[in-house]
Structure formats: C-alpha cells, structure tokens
Amino acid sequence: MSNVPAVTDATFDTEVLQAEGPVLVDIWATWCAPCRRTEPIIEELAAQHGDKIKFVKLDADANTETVTKYGVVSIPTFNLYAGGEVVKSLVGAQTKKQFLDELAEYL
C-alpha cells in the first residue's frame, strides 16, 4: 500500500495549491518505466520527510487538465509547490541523492 496519496484534477487545488506547506507532486503514468523506477524513492522520501513536505501522485493520463495547465510535456515530472506556486520542477528520473539535494531547503 502506497503512503503517497493520489490527487486528481478535481482535488488538485485543495490538496496541493491550498496546502499549508510545500507539496511535491509526482506526475507519472502507468506505462512509464522511469516513473516506476522512481516510485520506491518517492515512497521512501515520503516516509522519512512527510512531516516537512507533503508528497502526492498525479496520474498524467487521467488528469490532463492539470498536466496541461502546468505545461508538463515529459514524465516523470516532479513539481514542488509552495504557496500555490511551482517553486521547483525536476524532469526525468532522479536518484534519492538528487531529490535530497533539490529539496534540502524544505527538509
């Protein structure tokens, strides 16, 4: 069972844009091999740092409105939102160290 909840077009504003603290959105698809490779890393980061950053997943195929709104053209894309705005965007598979380096100021 995943400890990273899913968000949808319908819940994105409430769960991400109106969240109290920073939110990392993992934009993925079931057919995406790099997405599957990074999933365990995101799960681990969520377990270790979920008290500082909220981690959620967004299925790109099922939520095209949000994907289009934020100009996502490649997956996986990891957008970090703070105060309702994208403050950081990582495209492509990342290592745990890369995630930790990129998210350090929020951890």
PDB file of N, CA and C in Angstrom:
ATOM      1  N   MET A   1       0.843  -1.197   0.000  1.00  0.00           N
ATOM      2  CA  MET A   1       0.000   0.000   0.000  1.00  0.00           C
ATOM      3  C   MET A   1       0.874   1.242   0.000  1.00  0.00           C
ATOM      4  N   SER A   2       0.586   2.129  -0.889  1.00  0.00           N
ATOM      5  CA  SER A   2       1.371   3.347  -1.038  1.00  0.00           C
ATOM      6  C   SER A   2       1.105   4.322   0.110  1.00  0.00           C
ATOM      7  N   ASN A   3       2.167   4.976   0.576  1.00  0.00           N
ATOM      8  CA  ASN A   3       1.970   6.028   1.572  1.00  0.00           C
ATOM      9  C   ASN A   3       1.976   7.395   0.884  1.00  0.00           C
ATOM     10  N   VAL A   4       1.910   7.376  -0.469  1.00  0.00           N
ATOM     11  CA  VAL A   4       1.827   8.613  -1.239  1.00  0.00           C
ATOM     12  C   VAL A   4       0.441   8.661  -1.880  1.00  0.00           C
ATOM     13  N   PRO A   5      -0.430   9.539  -1.364  1.00  0.00           N
ATOM     14  CA  PRO A   5      -1.802   9.593  -1.881  1.00  0.00           C
ATOM     15  C   PRO A   5      -1.868  10.189  -3.291  1.00  0.00           C
ATOM     16  N   ALA A   6      -2.911   9.822  -4.001  1.00  0.00           N
ATOM     17  CA  ALA A   6      -3.139  10.349  -5.347  1.00  0.00           C
ATOM     18  C   ALA A   6      -3.996  11.607  -5.272  1.00  0.00           C
ATOM     19  N   VAL A   7      -3.698  12.552  -6.164  1.00  0.00           N
ATOM     20  CA  VAL A   7      -4.549  13.718  -6.350  1.00  0.00           C
ATOM     21  C   VAL A   7      -5.070  13.668  -7.781  1.00  0.00           C
ATOM     22  N   THR A   8      -6.144  14.398  -8.025  1.00  0.00           N
ATOM     23  CA  THR A   8      -6.769  14.417  -9.342  1.00  0.00           C
ATOM     24  C   THR A   8      -7.002  15.862  -9.764  1.00  0.00           C
ATOM     25  N   ASP A   9      -7.470  16.045 -10.994  1.00  0.00           N
ATOM     26  CA  ASP A   9      -7.847  17.390 -11.431  1.00  0.00           C
ATOM     27  C   ASP A   9      -8.819  18.016 -10.430  1.00  0.00           C
ATOM     28  N   ALA A  10      -9.747  17.196  -9.930  1.00  0.00           N
ATOM     29  CA  ALA A  10     -10.799  17.689  -9.034  1.00  0.00           C
ATOM     30  C   ALA A  10     -10.273  18.076  -7.654  1.00  0.00           C
ATOM     31  N   THR A  11      -9.217  17.400  -7.175  1.00  0.00           N
ATOM     32  CA  THR A  11      -8.731  17.650  -5.816  1.00  0.00           C
ATOM     33  C   THR A  11      -7.433  18.462  -5.780  1.00  0.00           C
ATOM     34  N   PHE A  12      -6.873  18.770  -6.939  1.00  0.00           N
ATOM     35  CA  PHE A  12      -5.561  19.421  -7.009  1.00  0.00           C
ATOM     36  C   PHE A  12      -5.511  20.752  -6.259  1.00  0.00           C
ATOM     37  N   ASP A  13      -6.487  21.615  -6.500  1.00  0.00           N
ATOM     38  CA  ASP A  13      -6.489  22.931  -5.843  1.00  0.00           C
ATOM     39  C   ASP A  13      -6.466  22.793  -4.327  1.00  0.00           C
ATOM     40  N   THR A  14      -7.340  21.944  -3.795  1.00  0.00           N
ATOM     41  CA  THR A  14      -7.448  21.773  -2.354  1.00  0.00           C
ATOM     42  C   THR A  14      -6.221  21.088  -1.764  1.00  0.00           C
ATOM     43  N   GLU A  15      -5.797  19.988  -2.379  1.00  0.00           N
ATOM     44  CA  GLU A  15      -4.720  19.166  -1.819  1.00  0.00           C
ATOM     45  C   GLU A  15      -3.326  19.744  -2.041  1.00  0.00           C
ATOM     46  N   VAL A  16      -3.141  20.497  -3.122  1.00  0.00           N
ATOM     47  CA  VAL A  16      -1.805  20.994  -3.464  1.00  0.00           C
ATOM     48  C   VAL A  16      -1.707  22.511  -3.325  1.00  0.00           C
ATOM     49  N   LEU A  17      -2.522  23.233  -4.059  1.00  0.00           N
ATOM     50  CA  LEU A  17      -2.395  24.692  -4.106  1.00  0.00           C
ATOM     51  C   LEU A  17      -2.767  25.362  -2.788  1.00  0.00           C
ATOM     52  N   GLN A  18      -3.702  24.762  -2.037  1.00  0.00           N
ATOM     53  CA  GLN A  18      -4.128  25.358  -0.774  1.00  0.00           C
ATOM     54  C   GLN A  18      -3.484  24.692   0.443  1.00  0.00           C
ATOM     55  N   ALA A  19      -2.513  23.818   0.212  1.00  0.00           N
ATOM     56  CA  ALA A  19      -1.848  23.120   1.319  1.00  0.00           C
ATOM     57  C   ALA A  19      -1.052  24.103   2.169  1.00  0.00           C
ATOM     58  N   GLU A  20      -0.908  23.783   3.443  1.00  0.00           N
ATOM     59  CA  GLU A  20      -0.187  24.637   4.392  1.00  0.00           C
ATOM     60  C   GLU A  20       1.283  24.787   4.030  1.00  0.00           C
ATOM     61  N   GLY A  21       1.951  23.675   3.763  1.00  0.00           N
ATOM     62  CA  GLY A  21       3.391  23.707   3.498  1.00  0.00           C
ATOM     63  C   GLY A  21       3.696  23.279   2.081  1.00  0.00           C
ATOM     64  N   PRO A  22       4.977  22.985   1.814  1.00  0.00           N
ATOM     65  CA  PRO A  22       5.366  22.557   0.476  1.00  0.00           C
ATOM     66  C   PRO A  22       4.786  21.187   0.107  1.00  0.00           C
ATOM     67  N   VAL A  23       4.488  21.021  -1.183  1.00  0.00           N
ATOM     68  CA  VAL A  23       3.919  19.771  -1.694  1.00  0.00           C
ATOM     69  C   VAL A  23       4.716  19.347  -2.926  1.00  0.00           C
ATOM     70  N   LEU A  24       5.232  18.109  -2.915  1.00  0.00           N
ATOM     71  CA  LEU A  24       5.903  17.566  -4.086  1.00  0.00           C
ATOM     72  C   LEU A  24       4.908  16.688  -4.834  1.00  0.00           C
ATOM     73  N   VAL A  25       4.621  17.064  -6.086  1.00  0.00           N
ATOM     74  CA  VAL A  25       3.690  16.313  -6.913  1.00  0.00           C
ATOM     75  C   VAL A  25       4.486  15.461  -7.895  1.00  0.00           C
ATOM     76  N   ASP A  26       4.323  14.154  -7.795  1.00  0.00           N
ATOM     77  CA  ASP A  26       4.941  13.183  -8.693  1.00  0.00           C
ATOM     78  C   ASP A  26       3.966  12.965  -9.849  1.00  0.00           C
ATOM     79  N   ILE A  27       4.280  13.513 -11.025  1.00  0.00           N
ATOM     80  CA  ILE A  27       3.410  13.380 -12.198  1.00  0.00           C
ATOM     81  C   ILE A  27       3.934  12.194 -12.993  1.00  0.00           C
ATOM     82  N   TRP A  28       3.106  11.166 -13.119  1.00  0.00           N
ATOM     83  CA  TRP A  28       3.539   9.873 -13.626  1.00  0.00           C
ATOM     84  C   TRP A  28       2.467   9.253 -14.515  1.00  0.00           C
ATOM     85  N   ALA A  29       2.775   8.076 -15.065  1.00  0.00           N
ATOM     86  CA  ALA A  29       1.799   7.265 -15.800  1.00  0.00           C
ATOM     87  C   ALA A  29       2.173   5.797 -15.632  1.00  0.00           C
ATOM     88  N   THR A  30       1.179   4.936 -15.737  1.00  0.00           N
ATOM     89  CA  THR A  30       1.405   3.504 -15.503  1.00  0.00           C
ATOM     90  C   THR A  30       2.374   2.899 -16.514  1.00  0.00           C
ATOM     91  N   TRP A  31       2.409   3.396 -17.734  1.00  0.00           N
ATOM     92  CA  TRP A  31       3.254   2.840 -18.793  1.00  0.00           C
ATOM     93  C   TRP A  31       4.686   3.373 -18.766  1.00  0.00           C
ATOM     94  N   CYS A  32       4.988   4.292 -17.866  1.00  0.00           N
ATOM     95  CA  CYS A  32       6.275   5.000 -17.835  1.00  0.00           C
ATOM     96  C   CYS A  32       7.293   4.250 -16.971  1.00  0.00           C
ATOM     97  N   ALA A  33       8.303   3.653 -17.606  1.00  0.00           N
ATOM     98  CA  ALA A  33       9.321   2.888 -16.867  1.00  0.00           C
ATOM     99  C   ALA A  33      10.119   3.749 -15.897  1.00  0.00           C
ATOM    100  N   PRO A  34      10.595   4.948 -16.282  1.00  0.00           N
ATOM    101  CA  PRO A  34      11.308   5.784 -15.304  1.00  0.00           C
ATOM    102  C   PRO A  34      10.427   6.161 -14.110  1.00  0.00           C
ATOM    103  N   CYS A  35       9.126   6.308 -14.353  1.00  0.00           N
ATOM    104  CA  CYS A  35       8.198   6.606 -13.254  1.00  0.00           C
ATOM    105  C   CYS A  35       8.191   5.466 -12.244  1.00  0.00           C
ATOM    106  N   ARG A  36       8.166   4.240 -12.757  1.00  0.00           N
ATOM    107  CA  ARG A  36       8.155   3.068 -11.873  1.00  0.00           C
ATOM    108  C   ARG A  36       9.470   2.956 -11.103  1.00  0.00           C
ATOM    109  N   ARG A  37      10.578   3.351 -11.743  1.00  0.00           N
ATOM    110  CA  ARG A  37      11.884   3.288 -11.068  1.00  0.00           C
ATOM    111  C   ARG A  37      11.978   4.294  -9.918  1.00  0.00           C
ATOM    112  N   THR A  38      11.346   5.440 -10.071  1.00  0.00           N
ATOM    113  CA  THR A  38      11.450   6.458  -9.012  1.00  0.00           C
ATOM    114  C   THR A  38      10.402   6.271  -7.917  1.00  0.00           C
ATOM    115  N   GLU A  39       9.389   5.456  -8.173  1.00  0.00           N
ATOM    116  CA  GLU A  39       8.321   5.279  -7.184  1.00  0.00           C
ATOM    117  C   GLU A  39       8.836   4.866  -5.803  1.00  0.00           C
ATOM    118  N   PRO A  40       9.740   3.862  -5.710  1.00  0.00           N
ATOM    119  CA  PRO A  40      10.218   3.481  -4.365  1.00  0.00           C
ATOM    120  C   PRO A  40      10.973   4.618  -3.669  1.00  0.00           C
ATOM    121  N   ILE A  41      11.654   5.451  -4.438  1.00  0.00           N
ATOM    122  CA  ILE A  41      12.391   6.580  -3.857  1.00  0.00           C
ATOM    123  C   ILE A  41      11.401   7.589  -3.269  1.00  0.00           C
ATOM    124  N   ILE A  42      10.356   7.888  -4.022  1.00  0.00           N
ATOM    125  CA  ILE A  42       9.332   8.826  -3.537  1.00  0.00           C
ATOM    126  C   ILE A  42       8.655   8.264  -2.288  1.00  0.00           C
ATOM    127  N   GLU A  43       8.361   6.967  -2.304  1.00  0.00           N
ATOM    128  CA  GLU A  43       7.756   6.325  -1.129  1.00  0.00           C
ATOM    129  C   GLU A  43       8.665   6.470   0.097  1.00  0.00           C
ATOM    130  N   GLU A  44       9.953   6.243  -0.104  1.00  0.00           N
ATOM    131  CA  GLU A  44      10.923   6.333   0.994  1.00  0.00           C
ATOM    132  C   GLU A  44      11.030   7.773   1.504  1.00  0.00           C
ATOM    133  N   LEU A  45      11.110   8.731   0.576  1.00  0.00           N
ATOM    134  CA  LEU A  45      11.188  10.135   0.977  1.00  0.00           C
ATOM    135  C   LEU A  45       9.932  10.568   1.725  1.00  0.00           C
ATOM    136  N   ALA A  46       8.782  10.104   1.263  1.00  0.00           N
ATOM    137  CA  ALA A  46       7.524  10.445   1.938  1.00  0.00           C
ATOM    138  C   ALA A  46       7.509   9.895   3.363  1.00  0.00           C
ATOM    139  N   ALA A  47       8.010   8.667   3.531  1.00  0.00           N
ATOM    140  CA  ALA A  47       8.050   8.052   4.859  1.00  0.00           C
ATOM    141  C   ALA A  47       9.013   8.812   5.775  1.00  0.00           C
ATOM    142  N   GLN A  48      10.135   9.273   5.215  1.00  0.00           N
ATOM    143  CA  GLN A  48      11.163   9.933   6.028  1.00  0.00           C
ATOM    144  C   GLN A  48      10.894  11.421   6.261  1.00  0.00           C
ATOM    145  N   HIS A  49      10.287  12.087   5.273  1.00  0.00           N
ATOM    146  CA  HIS A  49      10.173  13.548   5.328  1.00  0.00           C
ATOM    147  C   HIS A  49       8.745  14.066   5.170  1.00  0.00           C
ATOM    148  N   GLY A  50       7.768  13.171   5.299  1.00  0.00           N
ATOM    149  CA  GLY A  50       6.377  13.564   5.128  1.00  0.00           C
ATOM    150  C   GLY A  50       5.883  14.587   6.130  1.00  0.00           C
ATOM    151  N   ASP A  51       6.634  14.778   7.214  1.00  0.00           N
ATOM    152  CA  ASP A  51       6.250  15.786   8.201  1.00  0.00           C
ATOM    153  C   ASP A  51       6.643  17.195   7.732  1.00  0.00           C
ATOM    154  N   LYS A  52       7.559  17.284   6.765  1.00  0.00           N
ATOM    155  CA  LYS A  52       8.025  18.585   6.285  1.00  0.00           C
ATOM    156  C   LYS A  52       7.491  18.925   4.891  1.00  0.00           C
ATOM    157  N   ILE A  53       7.380  17.894   4.053  1.00  0.00           N
ATOM    158  CA  ILE A  53       6.874  18.062   2.688  1.00  0.00           C
ATOM    159  C   ILE A  53       5.758  17.045   2.483  1.00  0.00           C
ATOM    160  N   LYS A  54       4.650  17.505   1.921  1.00  0.00           N
ATOM    161  CA  LYS A  54       3.557  16.605   1.570  1.00  0.00           C
ATOM    162  C   LYS A  54       3.893  16.006   0.199  1.00  0.00           C
ATOM    163  N   PHE A  55       3.808  14.693   0.068  1.00  0.00           N
ATOM    164  CA  PHE A  55       4.091  14.003  -1.188  1.00  0.00           C
ATOM    165  C   PHE A  55       2.782  13.457  -1.756  1.00  0.00           C
ATOM    166  N   VAL A  56       2.510  13.749  -3.030  1.00  0.00           N
ATOM    167  CA  VAL A  56       1.317  13.229  -3.697  1.00  0.00           C
ATOM    168  C   VAL A  56       1.682  12.800  -5.112  1.00  0.00           C
ATOM    169  N   LYS A  57       0.801  11.970  -5.701  1.00  0.00           N
ATOM    170  CA  LYS A  57       0.986  11.496  -7.071  1.00  0.00           C
ATOM    171  C   LYS A  57      -0.170  11.976  -7.937  1.00  0.00           C
ATOM    172  N   LEU A  58       0.143  12.276  -9.192  1.00  0.00           N
ATOM    173  CA  LEU A  58      -0.875  12.685 -10.156  1.00  0.00           C
ATOM    174  C   LEU A  58      -0.690  11.854 -11.420  1.00  0.00           C
ATOM    175  N   ASP A  59      -1.682  11.047 -11.764  1.00  0.00           N
ATOM    176  CA  ASP A  59      -1.641  10.233 -12.980  1.00  0.00           C
ATOM    177  C   ASP A  59      -1.850  11.154 -14.181  1.00  0.00           C
ATOM    178  N   ALA A  60      -0.810  11.301 -14.999  1.00  0.00           N
ATOM    179  CA  ALA A  60      -0.848  12.228 -16.135  1.00  0.00           C
ATOM    180  C   ALA A  60      -1.934  11.870 -17.145  1.00  0.00           C
ATOM    181  N   ASP A  61      -2.154  10.580 -17.357  1.00  0.00           N
ATOM    182  CA  ASP A  61      -3.149  10.148 -18.350  1.00  0.00           C
ATOM    183  C   ASP A  61      -4.578  10.435 -17.900  1.00  0.00           C
ATOM    184  N   ALA A  62      -4.808  10.350 -16.604  1.00  0.00           N
ATOM    185  CA  ALA A  62      -6.175  10.515 -16.086  1.00  0.00           C
ATOM    186  C   ALA A  62      -6.488  11.959 -15.689  1.00  0.00           C
ATOM    187  N   ASN A  63      -5.485  12.821 -15.674  1.00  0.00           N
ATOM    188  CA  ASN A  63      -5.674  14.191 -15.185  1.00  0.00           C
ATOM    189  C   ASN A  63      -5.049  15.216 -16.135  1.00  0.00           C
ATOM    190  N   THR A  64      -5.525  15.191 -17.364  1.00  0.00           N
ATOM    191  CA  THR A  64      -4.925  16.011 -18.414  1.00  0.00           C
ATOM    192  C   THR A  64      -5.112  17.515 -18.186  1.00  0.00           C
ATOM    193  N   GLU A  65      -6.151  17.895 -17.470  1.00  0.00           N
ATOM    194  CA  GLU A  65      -6.391  19.319 -17.215  1.00  0.00           C
ATOM    195  C   GLU A  65      -5.221  19.937 -16.440  1.00  0.00           C
ATOM    196  N   THR A  66      -4.816  19.278 -15.358  1.00  0.00           N
ATOM    197  CA  THR A  66      -3.719  19.781 -14.532  1.00  0.00           C
ATOM    198  C   THR A  66      -2.390  19.690 -15.281  1.00  0.00           C
ATOM    199  N   VAL A  67      -2.166  18.587 -15.978  1.00  0.00           N
ATOM    200  CA  VAL A  67      -0.934  18.400 -16.753  1.00  0.00           C
ATOM    201  C   VAL A  67      -0.793  19.511 -17.795  1.00  0.00           C
ATOM    202  N   THR A  68      -1.876  19.824 -18.480  1.00  0.00           N
ATOM    203  CA  THR A  68      -1.861  20.878 -19.492  1.00  0.00           C
ATOM    204  C   THR A  68      -1.647  22.246 -18.856  1.00  0.00           C
ATOM    205  N   LYS A  69      -2.345  22.506 -17.758  1.00  0.00           N
ATOM    206  CA  LYS A  69      -2.248  23.796 -17.074  1.00  0.00           C
ATOM    207  C   LYS A  69      -0.811  24.127 -16.686  1.00  0.00           C
ATOM    208  N   TYR A  70      -0.063  23.103 -16.249  1.00  0.00           N
ATOM    209  CA  TYR A  70       1.301  23.333 -15.789  1.00  0.00           C
ATOM    210  C   TYR A  70       2.359  23.010 -16.850  1.00  0.00           C
ATOM    211  N   GLY A  71       1.922  22.773 -18.085  1.00  0.00           N
ATOM    212  CA  GLY A  71       2.848  22.603 -19.195  1.00  0.00           C
ATOM    213  C   GLY A  71       3.750  21.389 -19.097  1.00  0.00           C
ATOM    214  N   VAL A  72       3.252  20.327 -18.491  1.00  0.00           N
ATOM    215  CA  VAL A  72       4.051  19.110 -18.359  1.00  0.00           C
ATOM    216  C   VAL A  72       4.090  18.400 -19.710  1.00  0.00           C
ATOM    217  N   VAL A  73       5.286  18.208 -20.250  1.00  0.00           N
ATOM    218  CA  VAL A  73       5.427  17.561 -21.550  1.00  0.00           C
ATOM    219  C   VAL A  73       6.236  16.268 -21.473  1.00  0.00           C
ATOM    220  N   SER A  74       6.850  16.018 -20.343  1.00  0.00           N
ATOM    221  CA  SER A  74       7.669  14.826 -20.177  1.00  0.00           C
ATOM    222  C   SER A  74       7.427  14.271 -18.772  1.00  0.00           C
ATOM    223  N   ILE A  75       7.391  12.936 -18.681  1.00  0.00           N
ATOM    224  CA  ILE A  75       7.223  12.340 -17.357  1.00  0.00           C
ATOM    225  C   ILE A  75       8.335  11.324 -17.127  1.00  0.00           C
ATOM    226  N   PRO A  76       8.708  11.101 -15.891  1.00  0.00           N
ATOM    227  CA  PRO A  76       8.135  11.742 -14.723  1.00  0.00           C
ATOM    228  C   PRO A  76       8.559  13.214 -14.599  1.00  0.00           C
ATOM    229  N   THR A  77       7.653  14.004 -14.079  1.00  0.00           N
ATOM    230  CA  THR A  77       7.949  15.376 -13.678  1.00  0.00           C
ATOM    231  C   THR A  77       7.583  15.492 -12.210  1.00  0.00           C
ATOM    232  N   PHE A  78       8.433  16.146 -11.459  1.00  0.00           N
ATOM    233  CA  PHE A  78       8.214  16.345 -10.029  1.00  0.00           C
ATOM    234  C   PHE A  78       8.159  17.847  -9.793  1.00  0.00           C
ATOM    235  N   ASN A  79       6.975  18.357  -9.525  1.00  0.00           N
ATOM    236  CA  ASN A  79       6.804  19.784  -9.263  1.00  0.00           C
ATOM    237  C   ASN A  79       6.657  20.001  -7.769  1.00  0.00           C
ATOM    238  N   LEU A  80       7.437  20.936  -7.251  1.00  0.00           N
ATOM    239  CA  LEU A  80       7.325  21.312  -5.853  1.00  0.00           C
ATOM    240  C   LEU A  80       6.549  22.615  -5.784  1.00  0.00           C
ATOM    241  N   TYR A  81       5.442  22.581  -5.062  1.00  0.00           N
ATOM    242  CA  TYR A  81       4.568  23.745  -4.897  1.00  0.00           C
ATOM    243  C   TYR A  81       4.728  24.293  -3.491  1.00  0.00           C
ATOM    244  N   ALA A  82       4.757  25.611  -3.392  1.00  0.00           N
ATOM    245  CA  ALA A  82       4.748  26.281  -2.096  1.00  0.00           C
ATOM    246  C   ALA A  82       3.922  27.548  -2.276  1.00  0.00           C
ATOM    247  N   GLY A  83       2.972  27.748  -1.396  1.00  0.00           N
ATOM    248  CA  GLY A  83       2.111  28.917  -1.501  1.00  0.00           C
ATOM    249  C   GLY A  83       1.309  28.959  -2.793  1.00  0.00           C
ATOM    250  N   GLY A  84       0.977  27.781  -3.326  1.00  0.00           N
ATOM    251  CA  GLY A  84       0.157  27.713  -4.528  1.00  0.00           C
ATOM    252  C   GLY A  84       0.910  27.905  -5.830  1.00  0.00           C
ATOM    253  N   GLU A  85       2.241  28.006  -5.767  1.00  0.00           N
ATOM    254  CA  GLU A  85       3.057  28.226  -6.961  1.00  0.00           C
ATOM    255  C   GLU A  85       4.103  27.127  -7.108  1.00  0.00           C
ATOM    256  N   VAL A  86       4.489  26.841  -8.361  1.00  0.00           N
ATOM    257  CA  VAL A  86       5.590  25.910  -8.606  1.00  0.00           C
ATOM    258  C   VAL A  86       6.882  26.640  -8.251  1.00  0.00           C
ATOM    259  N   VAL A  87       7.627  26.091  -7.288  1.00  0.00           N
ATOM    260  CA  VAL A  87       8.891  26.712  -6.885  1.00  0.00           C
ATOM    261  C   VAL A  87      10.096  25.923  -7.395  1.00  0.00           C
ATOM    262  N   LYS A  88       9.835  24.702  -7.855  1.00  0.00           N
ATOM    263  CA  LYS A  88      10.908  23.862  -8.378  1.00  0.00           C
ATOM    264  C   LYS A  88      10.280  22.779  -9.237  1.00  0.00           C
ATOM    265  N   SER A  89      10.961  22.447 -10.336  1.00  0.00           N
ATOM    266  CA  SER A  89      10.461  21.398 -11.218  1.00  0.00           C
ATOM    267  C   SER A  89      11.628  20.520 -11.646  1.00  0.00           C
ATOM    268  N   LEU A  90      11.489  19.225 -11.420  1.00  0.00           N
ATOM    269  CA  LEU A  90      12.507  18.251 -11.816  1.00  0.00           C
ATOM    270  C   LEU A  90      11.883  17.347 -12.872  1.00  0.00           C
ATOM    271  N   VAL A  91      12.568  17.190 -13.996  1.00  0.00           N
ATOM    272  CA  VAL A  91      12.040  16.362 -15.075  1.00  0.00           C
ATOM    273  C   VAL A  91      12.958  15.171 -15.272  1.00  0.00           C
ATOM    274  N   GLY A  92      12.347  13.987 -15.359  1.00  0.00           N
ATOM    275  CA  GLY A  92      13.112  12.763 -15.556  1.00  0.00           C
ATOM    276  C   GLY A  92      13.382  12.057 -14.244  1.00  0.00           C
ATOM    277  N   ALA A  93      13.839  10.814 -14.364  1.00  0.00           N
ATOM    278  CA  ALA A  93      14.142  10.012 -13.179  1.00  0.00           C
ATOM    279  C   ALA A  93      15.264  10.671 -12.394  1.00  0.00           C
ATOM    280  N   GLN A  94      15.138  10.670 -11.085  1.00  0.00           N
ATOM    281  CA  GLN A  94      16.122  11.256 -10.179  1.00  0.00           C
ATOM    282  C   GLN A  94      16.579  10.182  -9.190  1.00  0.00           C
ATOM    283  N   THR A  95      17.791  10.343  -8.688  1.00  0.00           N
ATOM    284  CA  THR A  95      18.251   9.462  -7.617  1.00  0.00           C
ATOM    285  C   THR A  95      17.783  10.044  -6.288  1.00  0.00           C
ATOM    286  N   LYS A  96      17.879   9.247  -5.250  1.00  0.00           N
ATOM    287  CA  LYS A  96      17.489   9.747  -3.928  1.00  0.00           C
ATOM    288  C   LYS A  96      18.349  10.954  -3.551  1.00  0.00           C
ATOM    289  N   LYS A  97      19.645  10.886  -3.838  1.00  0.00           N
ATOM    290  CA  LYS A  97      20.543  11.999  -3.524  1.00  0.00           C
ATOM    291  C   LYS A  97      20.118  13.256  -4.287  1.00  0.00           C
ATOM    292  N   GLN A  98      19.768  13.112  -5.564  1.00  0.00           N
ATOM    293  CA  GLN A  98      19.326  14.274  -6.340  1.00  0.00           C
ATOM    294  C   GLN A  98      18.082  14.904  -5.711  1.00  0.00           C
ATOM    295  N   PHE A  99      17.125  14.058  -5.326  1.00  0.00           N
ATOM    296  CA  PHE A  99      15.918  14.586  -4.661  1.00  0.00           C
ATOM    297  C   PHE A  99      16.287  15.318  -3.374  1.00  0.00           C
ATOM    298  N   LEU A 100      17.126  14.686  -2.551  1.00  0.00           N
ATOM    299  CA  LEU A 100      17.503  15.299  -1.273  1.00  0.00           C
ATOM    300  C   LEU A 100      18.233  16.627  -1.491  1.00  0.00           C
ATOM    301  N   ASP A 101      19.111  16.673  -2.490  1.00  0.00           N
ATOM    302  CA  ASP A 101      19.821  17.920  -2.796  1.00  0.00           C
ATOM    303  C   ASP A 101      18.844  19.005  -3.230  1.00  0.00           C
ATOM    304  N   GLU A 102      17.906  18.647  -4.109  1.00  0.00           N
ATOM    305  CA  GLU A 102      16.958  19.619  -4.647  1.00  0.00           C
ATOM    306  C   GLU A 102      15.953  20.102  -3.588  1.00  0.00           C
ATOM    307  N   LEU A 103      15.617  19.221  -2.660  1.00  0.00           N
ATOM    308  CA  LEU A 103      14.609  19.540  -1.650  1.00  0.00           C
ATOM    309  C   LEU A 103      15.200  20.018  -0.329  1.00  0.00           C
ATOM    310  N   ALA A 104      16.514  20.098  -0.251  1.00  0.00           N
ATOM    311  CA  ALA A 104      17.207  20.364   1.014  1.00  0.00           C
ATOM    312  C   ALA A 104      16.666  21.577   1.764  1.00  0.00           C
ATOM    313  N   GLU A 105      16.380  22.660   1.053  1.00  0.00           N
ATOM    314  CA  GLU A 105      15.929  23.869   1.752  1.00  0.00           C
ATOM    315  C   GLU A 105      14.549  23.708   2.384  1.00  0.00           C
ATOM    316  N   TYR A 106      13.821  22.664   2.008  1.00  0.00           N
ATOM    317  CA  TYR A 106      12.479  22.423   2.548  1.00  0.00           C
ATOM    318  C   TYR A 106      12.459  21.315   3.596  1.00  0.00           C
ATOM    319  N   LEU A 107      13.600  20.630   3.761  1.00  0.00           N
ATOM    320  CA  LEU A 107      13.643  19.494   4.689  1.00  0.00           C
ATOM    321  C   LEU A 107      14.180  19.892   6.057  1.00  0.00           C
TER     322      LEU A 107
END
